[in-house]
N, C-alpha and C. Protein backbone atom coordinates (compact mmCIF):
# COMPACT_ATOMS: atom_id res chain seq x y z
N MET A 1 179.23 81.66 110.41
CA MET A 1 178.28 82.53 109.81
C MET A 1 178.48 83.94 110.33
N GLU A 2 178.43 84.87 109.43
CA GLU A 2 178.64 86.25 109.80
C GLU A 2 177.30 86.91 110.13
N ILE A 3 177.41 88.07 110.74
CA ILE A 3 176.21 88.82 111.15
C ILE A 3 175.43 89.24 109.91
N ASN A 4 176.09 89.64 108.84
CA ASN A 4 175.40 90.05 107.62
C ASN A 4 174.60 88.90 107.04
N GLU A 5 175.22 87.73 107.05
CA GLU A 5 174.51 86.56 106.54
C GLU A 5 173.33 86.21 107.43
N LEU A 6 173.49 86.37 108.73
CA LEU A 6 172.41 86.11 109.67
C LEU A 6 171.26 87.09 109.44
N TYR A 7 171.60 88.37 109.27
CA TYR A 7 170.56 89.38 108.98
C TYR A 7 169.85 89.07 107.67
N LYS A 8 170.59 88.67 106.66
CA LYS A 8 169.99 88.32 105.37
C LYS A 8 169.04 87.14 105.53
N LEU A 9 169.43 86.14 106.30
CA LEU A 9 168.60 84.96 106.54
C LEU A 9 167.32 85.34 107.29
N ILE A 10 167.49 86.17 108.34
CA ILE A 10 166.32 86.63 109.10
C ILE A 10 165.40 87.47 108.19
N LEU A 11 165.98 88.33 107.38
CA LEU A 11 165.20 89.15 106.46
C LEU A 11 164.47 88.27 105.45
N ALA A 12 165.12 87.25 104.91
CA ALA A 12 164.48 86.36 103.94
C ALA A 12 163.33 85.59 104.58
N VAL A 13 163.53 85.11 105.82
CA VAL A 13 162.48 84.36 106.52
C VAL A 13 161.31 85.30 106.82
N THR A 14 161.62 86.50 107.25
CA THR A 14 160.57 87.47 107.57
C THR A 14 159.76 87.83 106.33
N ILE A 15 160.42 88.11 105.24
CA ILE A 15 159.73 88.44 103.99
C ILE A 15 158.92 87.24 103.50
N GLY A 16 159.49 86.07 103.57
CA GLY A 16 158.77 84.85 103.17
C GLY A 16 157.53 84.64 104.04
N GLY A 17 157.67 84.83 105.36
CA GLY A 17 156.53 84.69 106.27
C GLY A 17 155.45 85.73 105.98
N SER A 18 155.90 86.93 105.68
CA SER A 18 154.94 88.00 105.35
C SER A 18 154.18 87.64 104.08
N ILE A 19 154.89 87.14 103.10
CA ILE A 19 154.23 86.77 101.84
C ILE A 19 153.23 85.64 102.08
N VAL A 20 153.59 84.66 102.89
CA VAL A 20 152.69 83.55 103.21
C VAL A 20 151.47 84.07 103.98
N THR A 21 151.71 84.96 104.95
CA THR A 21 150.60 85.52 105.73
C THR A 21 149.66 86.31 104.84
N VAL A 22 150.21 87.15 103.98
CA VAL A 22 149.38 87.93 103.05
C VAL A 22 148.61 86.99 102.12
N SER A 23 149.25 85.95 101.67
CA SER A 23 148.59 84.98 100.78
C SER A 23 147.42 84.30 101.50
N ILE A 24 147.62 83.96 102.78
CA ILE A 24 146.54 83.33 103.55
C ILE A 24 145.37 84.30 103.69
N TYR A 25 145.63 85.55 104.01
CA TYR A 25 144.55 86.54 104.15
C TYR A 25 143.83 86.78 102.82
N ILE A 26 144.60 86.79 101.73
CA ILE A 26 143.98 86.96 100.41
C ILE A 26 143.09 85.75 100.10
N ALA A 27 143.57 84.55 100.45
CA ALA A 27 142.76 83.34 100.22
C ALA A 27 141.47 83.40 101.05
N LYS A 28 141.56 83.84 102.31
CA LYS A 28 140.36 83.98 103.14
C LYS A 28 139.40 85.02 102.56
N LEU A 29 139.97 86.12 102.08
CA LEU A 29 139.16 87.17 101.48
C LEU A 29 138.44 86.64 100.24
N LEU A 30 139.15 85.90 99.40
CA LEU A 30 138.54 85.33 98.20
C LEU A 30 137.45 84.32 98.56
N ALA A 31 137.66 83.54 99.61
CA ALA A 31 136.64 82.58 100.06
C ALA A 31 135.39 83.32 100.54
N ALA A 32 135.59 84.41 101.27
CA ALA A 32 134.45 85.19 101.75
C ALA A 32 133.71 85.83 100.57
N VAL A 33 134.42 86.34 99.60
CA VAL A 33 133.79 86.93 98.41
C VAL A 33 133.01 85.86 97.65
N THR A 34 133.59 84.68 97.53
CA THR A 34 132.91 83.58 96.85
C THR A 34 131.63 83.20 97.57
N ASP A 35 131.67 83.13 98.90
CA ASP A 35 130.46 82.83 99.67
C ASP A 35 129.40 83.92 99.48
N ASN A 36 129.83 85.17 99.49
CA ASN A 36 128.89 86.27 99.27
C ASN A 36 128.26 86.20 97.88
N ILE A 37 129.04 85.84 96.89
CA ILE A 37 128.51 85.71 95.52
C ILE A 37 127.51 84.56 95.46
N LYS A 38 127.80 83.44 96.16
CA LYS A 38 126.85 82.32 96.19
C LYS A 38 125.54 82.75 96.86
N ASP A 39 125.64 83.49 97.97
CA ASP A 39 124.43 83.98 98.64
C ASP A 39 123.66 84.93 97.75
N LEU A 40 124.38 85.80 97.05
CA LEU A 40 123.73 86.73 96.13
C LEU A 40 123.03 85.97 95.01
N ARG A 41 123.64 84.92 94.54
CA ARG A 41 123.05 84.09 93.49
C ARG A 41 121.76 83.45 93.97
N LYS A 42 121.76 82.94 95.20
CA LYS A 42 120.54 82.36 95.77
C LYS A 42 119.46 83.42 95.92
N THR A 43 119.86 84.61 96.34
CA THR A 43 118.90 85.70 96.49
C THR A 43 118.28 86.06 95.15
N VAL A 44 119.10 86.13 94.12
CA VAL A 44 118.59 86.45 92.78
C VAL A 44 117.64 85.36 92.30
N GLN A 45 117.96 84.10 92.58
CA GLN A 45 117.06 83.01 92.21
C GLN A 45 115.74 83.11 92.96
N ASN A 46 115.80 83.45 94.25
CA ASN A 46 114.56 83.60 95.03
C ASN A 46 113.73 84.77 94.51
N VAL A 47 114.39 85.85 94.13
CA VAL A 47 113.67 86.99 93.55
C VAL A 47 113.00 86.55 92.25
N GLY A 48 113.67 85.73 91.48
CA GLY A 48 113.07 85.21 90.25
C GLY A 48 111.83 84.38 90.53
N VAL A 49 111.89 83.54 91.56
CA VAL A 49 110.73 82.73 91.93
C VAL A 49 109.58 83.62 92.39
N ILE A 50 109.91 84.63 93.22
CA ILE A 50 108.88 85.55 93.70
C ILE A 50 108.27 86.32 92.53
N THR A 51 109.09 86.75 91.60
CA THR A 51 108.60 87.47 90.42
C THR A 51 107.68 86.59 89.59
N ASP A 52 108.05 85.33 89.42
CA ASP A 52 107.19 84.41 88.68
C ASP A 52 105.83 84.26 89.37
N GLY A 53 105.86 84.16 90.70
CA GLY A 53 104.61 84.06 91.45
C GLY A 53 103.76 85.31 91.30
N LEU A 54 104.41 86.47 91.33
CA LEU A 54 103.68 87.73 91.15
C LEU A 54 103.07 87.82 89.76
N ILE A 55 103.78 87.34 88.77
CA ILE A 55 103.26 87.36 87.40
C ILE A 55 102.04 86.45 87.31
N GLU A 56 102.10 85.27 87.93
CA GLU A 56 100.94 84.38 87.92
C GLU A 56 99.76 85.02 88.64
N ASN A 57 100.02 85.67 89.78
CA ASN A 57 98.95 86.36 90.51
C ASN A 57 98.36 87.48 89.66
N GLN A 58 99.21 88.21 88.97
CA GLN A 58 98.74 89.29 88.12
C GLN A 58 97.87 88.75 86.99
N LYS A 59 98.25 87.61 86.43
CA LYS A 59 97.45 87.00 85.37
C LYS A 59 96.08 86.58 85.89
N SER A 60 96.05 85.97 87.07
CA SER A 60 94.76 85.55 87.62
C SER A 60 93.91 86.76 88.00
N LEU A 61 94.54 87.83 88.52
CA LEU A 61 93.80 89.05 88.83
C LEU A 61 93.25 89.68 87.55
N THR A 62 94.03 89.67 86.50
CA THR A 62 93.57 90.21 85.23
C THR A 62 92.37 89.43 84.72
N ALA A 63 92.43 88.11 84.83
CA ALA A 63 91.30 87.28 84.40
C ALA A 63 90.06 87.58 85.24
N ALA A 64 90.25 87.75 86.55
CA ALA A 64 89.11 88.06 87.42
C ALA A 64 88.51 89.42 87.07
N VAL A 65 89.36 90.41 86.81
CA VAL A 65 88.87 91.74 86.44
C VAL A 65 88.13 91.68 85.11
N GLU A 66 88.64 90.91 84.16
CA GLU A 66 87.96 90.77 82.88
C GLU A 66 86.59 90.11 83.06
N THR A 67 86.51 89.10 83.92
CA THR A 67 85.23 88.44 84.18
C THR A 67 84.25 89.42 84.81
N ILE A 68 84.71 90.17 85.80
CA ILE A 68 83.84 91.16 86.46
C ILE A 68 83.40 92.21 85.45
N SER A 69 84.31 92.61 84.56
CA SER A 69 83.97 93.60 83.54
C SER A 69 82.88 93.08 82.61
N ARG A 70 82.98 91.81 82.22
CA ARG A 70 81.94 91.23 81.37
C ARG A 70 80.60 91.17 82.09
N ILE A 71 80.62 90.82 83.38
CA ILE A 71 79.38 90.76 84.16
C ILE A 71 78.76 92.15 84.27
N VAL A 72 79.60 93.15 84.53
CA VAL A 72 79.09 94.52 84.64
C VAL A 72 78.50 94.98 83.31
N LYS A 73 79.17 94.65 82.20
CA LYS A 73 78.65 95.03 80.89
C LYS A 73 77.31 94.36 80.62
N LYS A 74 77.18 93.07 81.01
CA LYS A 74 75.90 92.38 80.83
C LYS A 74 74.82 93.02 81.69
N ALA A 75 75.16 93.36 82.93
CA ALA A 75 74.20 94.01 83.83
C ALA A 75 73.81 95.37 83.27
N GLU A 76 74.79 96.09 82.73
CA GLU A 76 74.50 97.39 82.14
C GLU A 76 73.56 97.24 80.95
N GLY A 77 73.79 96.21 80.13
CA GLY A 77 72.90 95.94 79.00
C GLY A 77 71.50 95.60 79.47
N ALA A 78 71.40 94.81 80.56
CA ALA A 78 70.08 94.47 81.09
C ALA A 78 69.37 95.71 81.62
N VAL A 79 70.09 96.56 82.32
CA VAL A 79 69.49 97.79 82.85
C VAL A 79 69.05 98.70 81.69
N ASP A 80 69.89 98.81 80.66
CA ASP A 80 69.51 99.62 79.49
C ASP A 80 68.27 99.04 78.83
N SER A 81 68.22 97.73 78.72
CA SER A 81 67.07 97.08 78.12
C SER A 81 65.80 97.34 78.93
N ILE A 82 65.90 97.21 80.26
CA ILE A 82 64.74 97.48 81.12
C ILE A 82 64.34 98.94 81.00
N THR A 83 65.31 99.82 80.95
CA THR A 83 65.02 101.26 80.83
C THR A 83 64.31 101.55 79.51
N ASN A 84 64.84 100.99 78.43
CA ASN A 84 64.27 101.29 77.12
C ASN A 84 62.92 100.61 76.89
N LYS A 85 62.73 99.40 77.43
CA LYS A 85 61.52 98.65 77.14
C LYS A 85 60.41 98.85 78.16
N ILE A 86 60.73 99.23 79.39
CA ILE A 86 59.71 99.33 80.43
C ILE A 86 59.58 100.75 80.97
N ILE A 87 60.67 101.31 81.44
CA ILE A 87 60.60 102.58 82.17
C ILE A 87 60.26 103.74 81.23
N LYS A 88 60.88 103.82 80.07
CA LYS A 88 60.58 104.92 79.15
C LYS A 88 59.13 104.88 78.67
N PRO A 89 58.59 103.71 78.29
CA PRO A 89 57.17 103.68 77.92
C PRO A 89 56.26 104.05 79.09
N LEU A 90 56.62 103.59 80.31
CA LEU A 90 55.80 103.96 81.47
C LEU A 90 55.85 105.46 81.71
N ASN A 91 57.00 106.06 81.56
CA ASN A 91 57.11 107.52 81.69
C ASN A 91 56.22 108.22 80.66
N THR A 92 56.24 107.71 79.46
CA THR A 92 55.40 108.30 78.41
C THR A 92 53.92 108.16 78.76
N ILE A 93 53.53 106.98 79.24
CA ILE A 93 52.13 106.74 79.62
C ILE A 93 51.73 107.66 80.77
N PHE A 94 52.60 107.77 81.79
CA PHE A 94 52.27 108.63 82.93
C PHE A 94 52.23 110.10 82.51
N ALA A 95 53.07 110.50 81.57
CA ALA A 95 53.04 111.87 81.07
C ALA A 95 51.73 112.13 80.34
N MET A 96 51.31 111.14 79.55
CA MET A 96 50.03 111.28 78.84
C MET A 96 48.88 111.34 79.84
N LEU A 97 48.90 110.48 80.87
CA LEU A 97 47.85 110.50 81.89
C LEU A 97 47.84 111.84 82.62
N GLY A 98 49.01 112.38 82.90
CA GLY A 98 49.11 113.69 83.53
C GLY A 98 48.49 114.76 82.65
N SER A 99 48.73 114.67 81.35
CA SER A 99 48.14 115.63 80.43
C SER A 99 46.62 115.49 80.41
N VAL A 100 46.11 114.24 80.41
CA VAL A 100 44.67 113.99 80.42
C VAL A 100 44.06 114.54 81.70
N ILE A 101 44.71 114.30 82.85
CA ILE A 101 44.19 114.80 84.13
C ILE A 101 44.18 116.32 84.13
N ALA A 102 45.23 116.93 83.62
CA ALA A 102 45.28 118.40 83.54
C ALA A 102 44.17 118.92 82.63
N LEU A 103 43.91 118.22 81.52
CA LEU A 103 42.84 118.61 80.61
C LEU A 103 41.48 118.50 81.29
N LEU A 104 41.28 117.39 82.02
CA LEU A 104 40.01 117.19 82.73
C LEU A 104 39.82 118.26 83.79
N LYS A 105 40.87 118.62 84.51
CA LYS A 105 40.77 119.67 85.52
C LYS A 105 40.47 121.01 84.87
N SER A 106 41.08 121.27 83.72
CA SER A 106 40.81 122.54 83.05
C SER A 106 39.38 122.61 82.53
N LEU A 107 38.78 121.45 82.24
CA LEU A 107 37.39 121.40 81.79
C LEU A 107 36.43 121.40 82.97
N GLY A 108 36.94 121.28 84.15
CA GLY A 108 36.12 121.32 85.36
C GLY A 108 35.62 119.95 85.78
N LEU A 109 36.12 118.92 85.22
CA LEU A 109 35.70 117.57 85.59
C LEU A 109 36.65 117.06 86.68
N LYS A 110 36.03 116.53 87.76
CA LYS A 110 36.86 116.06 88.85
C LYS A 110 36.83 114.54 88.95
N GLY A 111 36.14 113.87 88.17
CA GLY A 111 36.07 112.43 88.21
C GLY A 111 34.63 111.97 88.17
N ALA A 112 34.41 110.69 88.10
CA ALA A 112 33.05 110.14 88.04
C ALA A 112 32.42 110.16 89.41
N LYS A 113 31.07 110.35 89.45
CA LYS A 113 30.35 110.34 90.71
C LYS A 113 29.97 108.93 91.07
N LYS A 114 29.88 108.68 92.38
CA LYS A 114 29.52 107.35 92.86
C LYS A 114 28.01 107.16 92.77
N LYS A 115 27.55 106.01 92.44
CA LYS A 115 26.12 105.68 92.41
C LYS A 115 25.76 105.03 93.73
N ASP A 116 24.55 105.39 94.24
CA ASP A 116 24.09 104.82 95.51
C ASP A 116 23.44 103.51 95.33
């Protein structure tokens, strides 16, 4: 065997080893990327589950707010009813009584006298 042939053999083995080494590193890199994609997929699934839970919570909160809104509207109607049926007539009566008292004072009457 000549030196040139020996150099060619060493060069071929070295290039072949380099190709194998690079292939192994590429395979490891692809395995790591695949694992990262699987983890990302699990994360996306968990985000989906969390989002579904938030949507359910939002629905229940919306229902609670609607219930409270109906209760407040009923209370508002009751207060309006009390105002219109009781307080406004009482105000009118007290205003009339105030006018009568002012009239009596202007006439010089201070009230009925007590009997002994």
